[in-house]
């Protein structure tokens, strides 16, 4: 179960993004967080949640940037799950 902030670092269209994602305290039945609050470059980006295999957020943000941030979040989560499996 993920309970700590997740570091996020990536570039998109030549812009470097750095920040973190904090898992919500609300959990699915399997114990995984229902959403992650994402901060990028010192700004609240939105609450990410996974819906049918795709990341969605509660803020209006460019779709490509949501996908890029979601991919990094997924990579970290999958790595953590392998580590603790």
PDB file of N, CA and C in Angstrom:
ATOM      1  N   UNK A   1       0.848  -1.175   0.000  1.00  0.00           N
ATOM      2  CA  UNK A   1       0.000   0.000   0.000  1.00  0.00           C
ATOM      3  C   UNK A   1       0.898   1.244   0.000  1.00  0.00           C
ATOM      4  N   UNK A   2       0.591   2.200  -0.834  1.00  0.00           N
ATOM      5  CA  UNK A   2       1.380   3.419  -0.962  1.00  0.00           C
ATOM      6  C   UNK A   2       0.843   4.474   0.006  1.00  0.00           C
ATOM      7  N   UNK A   3       1.725   4.970   0.867  1.00  0.00           N
ATOM      8  CA  UNK A   3       1.300   5.960   1.855  1.00  0.00           C
ATOM      9  C   UNK A   3       2.177   7.207   1.847  1.00  0.00           C
ATOM     10  N   UNK A   4       3.265   7.202   1.074  1.00  0.00           N
ATOM     11  CA  UNK A   4       4.171   8.347   1.040  1.00  0.00           C
ATOM     12  C   UNK A   4       4.034   9.110  -0.267  1.00  0.00           C
ATOM     13  N   UNK A   5       4.541  10.326  -0.295  1.00  0.00           N
ATOM     14  CA  UNK A   5       4.518  11.123  -1.517  1.00  0.00           C
ATOM     15  C   UNK A   5       5.403  10.481  -2.581  1.00  0.00           C
ATOM     16  N   UNK A   6       4.976  10.608  -3.812  1.00  0.00           N
ATOM     17  CA  UNK A   6       5.667  10.020  -4.952  1.00  0.00           C
ATOM     18  C   UNK A   6       6.355  11.139  -5.720  1.00  0.00           C
ATOM     19  N   UNK A   7       7.679  11.053  -5.928  1.00  0.00           N
ATOM     20  CA  UNK A   7       8.368  12.090  -6.692  1.00  0.00           C
ATOM     21  C   UNK A   7       8.010  11.991  -8.178  1.00  0.00           C
ATOM     22  N   UNK A   8       7.807  13.118  -8.812  1.00  0.00           N
ATOM     23  CA  UNK A   8       7.508  13.174 -10.247  1.00  0.00           C
ATOM     24  C   UNK A   8       8.500  14.116 -10.925  1.00  0.00           C
ATOM     25  N   UNK A   9       9.169  13.622 -11.959  1.00  0.00           N
ATOM     26  CA  UNK A   9      10.112  14.430 -12.739  1.00  0.00           C
ATOM     27  C   UNK A   9       9.994  14.002 -14.188  1.00  0.00           C
ATOM     28  N   UNK A  10       9.747  14.943 -15.096  1.00  0.00           N
ATOM     29  CA  UNK A  10       9.677  14.622 -16.514  1.00  0.00           C
ATOM     30  C   UNK A  10       9.743  15.913 -17.327  1.00  0.00           C
ATOM     31  N   UNK A  11       9.999  15.754 -18.635  1.00  0.00           N
ATOM     32  CA  UNK A  11       9.967  16.884 -19.563  1.00  0.00           C
ATOM     33  C   UNK A  11       8.826  16.666 -20.533  1.00  0.00           C
ATOM     34  N   UNK A  12       8.207  17.760 -20.919  1.00  0.00           N
ATOM     35  CA  UNK A  12       7.102  17.694 -21.883  1.00  0.00           C
ATOM     36  C   UNK A  12       7.172  18.933 -22.767  1.00  0.00           C
ATOM     37  N   UNK A  13       7.326  18.713 -24.071  1.00  0.00           N
ATOM     38  CA  UNK A  13       7.463  19.808 -25.037  1.00  0.00           C
ATOM     39  C   UNK A  13       8.558  20.788 -24.622  1.00  0.00           C
ATOM     40  N   UNK A  14       9.681  20.240 -24.161  1.00  0.00           N
ATOM     41  CA  UNK A  14      10.833  21.053 -23.819  1.00  0.00           C
ATOM     42  C   UNK A  14      10.773  21.749 -22.463  1.00  0.00           C
ATOM     43  N   UNK A  15       9.739  21.508 -21.691  1.00  0.00           N
ATOM     44  CA  UNK A  15       9.605  22.119 -20.360  1.00  0.00           C
ATOM     45  C   UNK A  15       9.829  21.029 -19.315  1.00  0.00           C
ATOM     46  N   UNK A  16      10.715  21.324 -18.357  1.00  0.00           N
ATOM     47  CA  UNK A  16      10.983  20.377 -17.274  1.00  0.00           C
ATOM     48  C   UNK A  16       9.933  20.560 -16.178  1.00  0.00           C
ATOM     49  N   UNK A  17       9.380  19.450 -15.725  1.00  0.00           N
ATOM     50  CA  UNK A  17       8.400  19.456 -14.640  1.00  0.00           C
ATOM     51  C   UNK A  17       8.949  18.640 -13.477  1.00  0.00           C
ATOM     52  N   UNK A  18       8.774  19.150 -12.280  1.00  0.00           N
ATOM     53  CA  UNK A  18       9.190  18.438 -11.076  1.00  0.00           C
ATOM     54  C   UNK A  18       8.138  18.668 -10.005  1.00  0.00           C
ATOM     55  N   UNK A  19       7.906  17.664  -9.225  1.00  0.00           N
ATOM     56  CA  UNK A  19       6.922  17.797  -8.148  1.00  0.00           C
ATOM     57  C   UNK A  19       6.706  16.474  -7.469  1.00  0.00           C
ATOM     58  N   UNK A  20       5.498  16.280  -6.986  1.00  0.00           N
ATOM     59  CA  UNK A  20       5.173  15.063  -6.259  1.00  0.00           C
ATOM     60  C   UNK A  20       3.680  14.805  -6.319  1.00  0.00           C
ATOM     61  N   UNK A  21       3.314  13.578  -5.982  1.00  0.00           N
ATOM     62  CA  UNK A  21       1.915  13.166  -5.874  1.00  0.00           C
ATOM     63  C   UNK A  21       1.717  12.593  -4.480  1.00  0.00           C
ATOM     64  N   UNK A  22       0.691  13.057  -3.802  1.00  0.00           N
ATOM     65  CA  UNK A  22       0.384  12.578  -2.458  1.00  0.00           C
ATOM     66  C   UNK A  22      -0.879  11.729  -2.514  1.00  0.00           C
ATOM     67  N   UNK A  23      -0.799  10.466  -2.070  1.00  0.00           N
ATOM     68  CA  UNK A  23      -1.991   9.603  -2.114  1.00  0.00           C
ATOM     69  C   UNK A  23      -3.060  10.072  -1.135  1.00  0.00           C
ATOM     70  N   UNK A  24      -4.304   9.913  -1.555  1.00  0.00           N
ATOM     71  CA  UNK A  24      -5.416  10.273  -0.673  1.00  0.00           C
ATOM     72  C   UNK A  24      -5.552   9.242   0.439  1.00  0.00           C
ATOM     73  N   UNK A  25      -6.238   9.639   1.487  1.00  0.00           N
ATOM     74  CA  UNK A  25      -6.510   8.702   2.581  1.00  0.00           C
ATOM     75  C   UNK A  25      -7.681   7.791   2.240  1.00  0.00           C
ATOM     76  N   UNK A  26      -8.511   8.195   1.278  1.00  0.00           N
ATOM     77  CA  UNK A  26      -9.618   7.341   0.818  1.00  0.00           C
ATOM     78  C   UNK A  26      -9.032   6.187   0.019  1.00  0.00           C
ATOM     79  N   UNK A  27      -9.467   4.982   0.326  1.00  0.00           N
ATOM     80  CA  UNK A  27      -8.894   3.782  -0.293  1.00  0.00           C
ATOM     81  C   UNK A  27      -9.960   2.935  -0.978  1.00  0.00           C
ATOM     82  N   UNK A  28      -9.518   2.237  -2.024  1.00  0.00           N
ATOM     83  CA  UNK A  28     -10.354   1.215  -2.654  1.00  0.00           C
ATOM     84  C   UNK A  28     -10.385  -0.002  -1.732  1.00  0.00           C
ATOM     85  N   UNK A  29     -11.233  -0.952  -2.050  1.00  0.00           N
ATOM     86  CA  UNK A  29     -11.335  -2.174  -1.248  1.00  0.00           C
ATOM     87  C   UNK A  29     -10.004  -2.924  -1.159  1.00  0.00           C
ATOM     88  N   UNK A  30      -9.159  -2.786  -2.208  1.00  0.00           N
ATOM     89  CA  UNK A  30      -7.865  -3.473  -2.207  1.00  0.00           C
ATOM     90  C   UNK A  30      -6.782  -2.718  -1.436  1.00  0.00           C
ATOM     91  N   UNK A  31      -7.147  -1.554  -0.864  1.00  0.00           N
ATOM     92  CA  UNK A  31      -6.200  -0.791  -0.061  1.00  0.00           C
ATOM     93  C   UNK A  31      -5.440   0.286  -0.805  1.00  0.00           C
ATOM     94  N   UNK A  32      -5.578   0.337  -2.116  1.00  0.00           N
ATOM     95  CA  UNK A  32      -4.870   1.342  -2.906  1.00  0.00           C
ATOM     96  C   UNK A  32      -5.610   2.686  -2.851  1.00  0.00           C
ATOM     97  N   UNK A  33      -4.863   3.795  -2.921  1.00  0.00           N
ATOM     98  CA  UNK A  33      -5.490   5.120  -2.864  1.00  0.00           C
ATOM     99  C   UNK A  33      -6.477   5.338  -4.009  1.00  0.00           C
ATOM    100  N   UNK A  34      -7.544   6.058  -3.725  1.00  0.00           N
ATOM    101  CA  UNK A  34      -8.522   6.386  -4.764  1.00  0.00           C
ATOM    102  C   UNK A  34      -8.031   7.500  -5.672  1.00  0.00           C
ATOM    103  N   UNK A  35      -7.155   8.367  -5.153  1.00  0.00           N
ATOM    104  CA  UNK A  35      -6.645   9.470  -5.961  1.00  0.00           C
ATOM    105  C   UNK A  35      -5.310   9.949  -5.410  1.00  0.00           C
ATOM    106  N   UNK A  36      -4.674  10.834  -6.185  1.00  0.00           N
ATOM    107  CA  UNK A  36      -3.391  11.419  -5.809  1.00  0.00           C
ATOM    108  C   UNK A  36      -3.447  12.914  -6.091  1.00  0.00           C
ATOM    109  N   UNK A  37      -3.109  13.719  -5.100  1.00  0.00           N
ATOM    110  CA  UNK A  37      -3.005  15.172  -5.290  1.00  0.00           C
ATOM    111  C   UNK A  37      -1.628  15.448  -5.893  1.00  0.00           C
ATOM    112  N   UNK A  38      -1.601  16.086  -7.055  1.00  0.00           N
ATOM    113  CA  UNK A  38      -0.349  16.296  -7.786  1.00  0.00           C
ATOM    114  C   UNK A  38       0.050  17.768  -7.764  1.00  0.00           C
ATOM    115  N   UNK A  39       1.312  18.003  -7.413  1.00  0.00           N
ATOM    116  CA  UNK A  39       1.924  19.322  -7.444  1.00  0.00           C
ATOM    117  C   UNK A  39       3.023  19.273  -8.498  1.00  0.00           C
ATOM    118  N   UNK A  40       3.007  20.201  -9.437  1.00  0.00           N
ATOM    119  CA  UNK A  40       4.058  20.290 -10.450  1.00  0.00           C
ATOM    120  C   UNK A  40       4.594  21.707 -10.492  1.00  0.00           C
ATOM    121  N   UNK A  41       5.908  21.827 -10.450  1.00  0.00           N
ATOM    122  CA  UNK A  41       6.583  23.130 -10.487  1.00  0.00           C
ATOM    123  C   UNK A  41       5.988  24.109  -9.473  1.00  0.00           C
ATOM    124  N   UNK A  42       5.692  23.594  -8.283  1.00  0.00           N
ATOM    125  CA  UNK A  42       5.204  24.423  -7.195  1.00  0.00           C
ATOM    126  C   UNK A  42       3.748  24.825  -7.271  1.00  0.00           C
ATOM    127  N   UNK A  43       2.997  24.254  -8.219  1.00  0.00           N
ATOM    128  CA  UNK A  43       1.590  24.601  -8.412  1.00  0.00           C
ATOM    129  C   UNK A  43       0.721  23.353  -8.303  1.00  0.00           C
ATOM    130  N   UNK A  44      -0.403  23.470  -7.593  1.00  0.00           N
ATOM    131  CA  UNK A  44      -1.353  22.357  -7.542  1.00  0.00           C
ATOM    132  C   UNK A  44      -1.864  22.103  -8.950  1.00  0.00           C
ATOM    133  N   UNK A  45      -1.652  20.872  -9.431  1.00  0.00           N
ATOM    134  CA  UNK A  45      -2.033  20.508 -10.793  1.00  0.00           C
ATOM    135  C   UNK A  45      -3.410  19.868 -10.837  1.00  0.00           C
ATOM    136  N   UNK A  46      -3.768  19.105  -9.798  1.00  0.00           N
ATOM    137  CA  UNK A  46      -5.074  18.474  -9.747  1.00  0.00           C
ATOM    138  C   UNK A  46      -5.023  17.165  -8.989  1.00  0.00           C
ATOM    139  N   UNK A  47      -6.192  16.598  -8.744  1.00  0.00           N
ATOM    140  CA  UNK A  47      -6.324  15.286  -8.116  1.00  0.00           C
ATOM    141  C   UNK A  47      -6.470  14.248  -9.218  1.00  0.00           C
ATOM    142  N   UNK A  48      -5.490  13.360  -9.313  1.00  0.00           N
ATOM    143  CA  UNK A  48      -5.490  12.319 -10.336  1.00  0.00           C
ATOM    144  C   UNK A  48      -6.185  11.080  -9.800  1.00  0.00           C
ATOM    145  N   UNK A  49      -6.998  10.455 -10.634  1.00  0.00           N
ATOM    146  CA  UNK A  49      -7.557   9.146 -10.321  1.00  0.00           C
ATOM    147  C   UNK A  49      -7.568   8.336 -11.607  1.00  0.00           C
ATOM    148  N   UNK A  50      -7.546   7.038 -11.462  1.00  0.00           N
ATOM    149  CA  UNK A  50      -7.508   6.164 -12.632  1.00  0.00           C
ATOM    150  C   UNK A  50      -8.925   5.667 -12.914  1.00  0.00           C
ATOM    151  N   UNK A  51      -9.376   5.883 -14.145  1.00  0.00           N
ATOM    152  CA  UNK A  51     -10.713   5.474 -14.553  1.00  0.00           C
ATOM    153  C   UNK A  51     -10.590   4.612 -15.796  1.00  0.00           C
ATOM    154  N   UNK A  52     -10.844   3.320 -15.645  1.00  0.00           N
ATOM    155  CA  UNK A  52     -10.775   2.359 -16.751  1.00  0.00           C
ATOM    156  C   UNK A  52      -9.415   2.389 -17.448  1.00  0.00           C
ATOM    157  N   UNK A  53      -8.368   2.468 -16.631  1.00  0.00           N
ATOM    158  CA  UNK A  53      -7.015   2.418 -17.168  1.00  0.00           C
ATOM    159  C   UNK A  53      -6.456   3.734 -17.658  1.00  0.00           C
ATOM    160  N   UNK A  54      -7.203   4.829 -17.508  1.00  0.00           N
ATOM    161  CA  UNK A  54      -6.722   6.145 -17.944  1.00  0.00           C
ATOM    162  C   UNK A  54      -6.765   7.102 -16.759  1.00  0.00           C
ATOM    163  N   UNK A  55      -5.748   7.966 -16.689  1.00  0.00           N
ATOM    164  CA  UNK A  55      -5.713   8.966 -15.631  1.00  0.00           C
ATOM    165  C   UNK A  55      -6.613  10.138 -15.990  1.00  0.00           C
ATOM    166  N   UNK A  56      -7.410  10.561 -15.027  1.00  0.00           N
ATOM    167  CA  UNK A  56      -8.273  11.739 -15.166  1.00  0.00           C
ATOM    168  C   UNK A  56      -8.006  12.648 -13.972  1.00  0.00           C
ATOM    169  N   UNK A  57      -8.265  13.945 -14.146  1.00  0.00           N
ATOM    170  CA  UNK A  57      -8.074  14.877 -13.033  1.00  0.00           C
ATOM    171  C   UNK A  57      -9.289  15.781 -12.906  1.00  0.00           C
ATOM    172  N   UNK A  58      -9.373  16.438 -11.758  1.00  0.00           N
ATOM    173  CA  UNK A  58     -10.515  17.296 -11.458  1.00  0.00           C
ATOM    174  C   UNK A  58     -10.272  18.768 -11.813  1.00  0.00           C
ATOM    175  N   UNK A  59      -9.185  19.044 -12.539  1.00  0.00           N
ATOM    176  CA  UNK A  59      -8.867  20.409 -12.975  1.00  0.00           C
ATOM    177  C   UNK A  59      -8.774  20.424 -14.498  1.00  0.00           C
ATOM    178  N   UNK A  60      -8.981  21.587 -15.086  1.00  0.00           N
ATOM    179  CA  UNK A  60      -8.823  21.719 -16.540  1.00  0.00           C
ATOM    180  C   UNK A  60      -7.336  21.907 -16.835  1.00  0.00           C
ATOM    181  N   UNK A  61      -6.739  20.901 -17.431  1.00  0.00           N
ATOM    182  CA  UNK A  61      -5.319  20.913 -17.788  1.00  0.00           C
ATOM    183  C   UNK A  61      -5.163  20.321 -19.181  1.00  0.00           C
ATOM    184  N   UNK A  62      -4.075  20.671 -19.884  1.00  0.00           N
ATOM    185  CA  UNK A  62      -3.855  20.096 -21.215  1.00  0.00           C
ATOM    186  C   UNK A  62      -3.791  18.567 -21.153  1.00  0.00           C
ATOM    187  N   UNK A  63      -4.542  17.936 -22.034  1.00  0.00           N
ATOM    188  CA  UNK A  63      -4.656  16.477 -22.028  1.00  0.00           C
ATOM    189  C   UNK A  63      -3.283  15.802 -22.124  1.00  0.00           C
ATOM    190  N   UNK A  64      -2.422  16.280 -23.026  1.00  0.00           N
ATOM    191  CA  UNK A  64      -1.106  15.665 -23.207  1.00  0.00           C
ATOM    192  C   UNK A  64      -0.272  15.739 -21.928  1.00  0.00           C
ATOM    193  N   UNK A  65      -0.412  16.810 -21.190  1.00  0.00           N
ATOM    194  CA  UNK A  65       0.333  16.957 -19.941  1.00  0.00           C
ATOM    195  C   UNK A  65      -0.226  16.028 -18.866  1.00  0.00           C
ATOM    196  N   UNK A  66      -1.524  15.839 -18.852  1.00  0.00           N
ATOM    197  CA  UNK A  66      -2.148  14.886 -17.924  1.00  0.00           C
ATOM    198  C   UNK A  66      -1.638  13.477 -18.227  1.00  0.00           C
ATOM    199  N   UNK A  67      -1.570  13.130 -19.508  1.00  0.00           N
ATOM    200  CA  UNK A  67      -1.077  11.807 -19.900  1.00  0.00           C
ATOM    201  C   UNK A  67       0.377  11.641 -19.476  1.00  0.00           C
ATOM    202  N   UNK A  68       1.208  12.651 -19.721  1.00  0.00           N
ATOM    203  CA  UNK A  68       2.631  12.563 -19.360  1.00  0.00           C
ATOM    204  C   UNK A  68       2.811  12.401 -17.850  1.00  0.00           C
ATOM    205  N   UNK A  69       2.109  13.196 -17.074  1.00  0.00           N
ATOM    206  CA  UNK A  69       2.206  13.092 -15.614  1.00  0.00           C
ATOM    207  C   UNK A  69       1.648  11.745 -15.137  1.00  0.00           C
ATOM    208  N   UNK A  70       0.556  11.318 -15.726  1.00  0.00           N
ATOM    209  CA  UNK A  70      -0.048  10.029 -15.366  1.00  0.00           C
ATOM    210  C   UNK A  70       0.875   8.858 -15.661  1.00  0.00           C
ATOM    211  N   UNK A  71       1.616   8.935 -16.778  1.00  0.00           N
ATOM    212  CA  UNK A  71       2.562   7.871 -17.113  1.00  0.00           C
ATOM    213  C   UNK A  71       3.650   7.768 -16.047  1.00  0.00           C
ATOM    214  N   UNK A  72       4.172   8.892 -15.593  1.00  0.00           N
ATOM    215  CA  UNK A  72       5.207   8.871 -14.557  1.00  0.00           C
ATOM    216  C   UNK A  72       4.645   8.329 -13.245  1.00  0.00           C
ATOM    217  N   UNK A  73       3.444   8.726 -12.928  1.00  0.00           N
ATOM    218  CA  UNK A  73       2.789   8.233 -11.721  1.00  0.00           C
ATOM    219  C   UNK A  73       2.598   6.714 -11.809  1.00  0.00           C
ATOM    220  N   UNK A  74       2.133   6.238 -12.951  1.00  0.00           N
ATOM    221  CA  UNK A  74       1.945   4.794 -13.152  1.00  0.00           C
ATOM    222  C   UNK A  74       3.259   4.037 -13.032  1.00  0.00           C
ATOM    223  N   UNK A  75       4.324   4.578 -13.635  1.00  0.00           N
ATOM    224  CA  UNK A  75       5.629   3.919 -13.561  1.00  0.00           C
ATOM    225  C   UNK A  75       6.072   3.758 -12.113  1.00  0.00           C
ATOM    226  N   UNK A  76       5.908   4.809 -11.317  1.00  0.00           N
ATOM    227  CA  UNK A  76       6.332   4.746  -9.917  1.00  0.00           C
ATOM    228  C   UNK A  76       5.481   3.740  -9.148  1.00  0.00           C
ATOM    229  N   UNK A  77       4.187   3.782  -9.352  1.00  0.00           N
ATOM    230  CA  UNK A  77       3.285   2.874  -8.635  1.00  0.00           C
ATOM    231  C   UNK A  77       3.587   1.417  -8.995  1.00  0.00           C
ATOM    232  N   UNK A  78       3.756   1.131 -10.301  1.00  0.00           N
ATOM    233  CA  UNK A  78       4.049  -0.243 -10.711  1.00  0.00           C
ATOM    234  C   UNK A  78       5.394  -0.697 -10.142  1.00  0.00           C
ATOM    235  N   UNK A  79       6.382   0.182 -10.122  1.00  0.00           N
ATOM    236  CA  UNK A  79       7.672  -0.156  -9.531  1.00  0.00           C
ATOM    237  C   UNK A  79       7.542  -0.465  -8.058  1.00  0.00           C
ATOM    238  N   UNK A  80       6.761   0.328  -7.338  1.00  0.00           N
ATOM    239  CA  UNK A  80       6.557   0.099  -5.911  1.00  0.00           C
ATOM    240  C   UNK A  80       5.831  -1.219  -5.660  1.00  0.00           C
ATOM    241  N   UNK A  81       4.864  -1.516  -6.494  1.00  0.00           N
ATOM    242  CA  UNK A  81       4.115  -2.770  -6.319  1.00  0.00           C
ATOM    243  C   UNK A  81       5.026  -3.970  -6.549  1.00  0.00           C
ATOM    244  N   UNK A  82       5.940  -3.884  -7.538  1.00  0.00           N
ATOM    245  CA  UNK A  82       6.885  -4.971  -7.768  1.00  0.00           C
ATOM    246  C   UNK A  82       7.841  -5.115  -6.594  1.00  0.00           C
ATOM    247  N   UNK A  83       8.273  -3.995  -6.051  1.00  0.00           N
ATOM    248  CA  UNK A  83       9.221  -4.011  -4.949  1.00  0.00           C
ATOM    249  C   UNK A  83       8.630  -4.679  -3.712  1.00  0.00           C
ATOM    250  N   UNK A  84       7.344  -4.415  -3.452  1.00  0.00           N
ATOM    251  CA  UNK A  84       6.712  -4.930  -2.253  1.00  0.00           C
ATOM    252  C   UNK A  84       5.946  -6.230  -2.473  1.00  0.00           C
ATOM    253  N   UNK A  85       6.014  -6.770  -3.695  1.00  0.00           N
ATOM    254  CA  UNK A  85       5.277  -8.018  -4.000  1.00  0.00           C
ATOM    255  C   UNK A  85       5.990  -9.228  -3.429  1.00  0.00           C
TER     256      UNK A  85
END
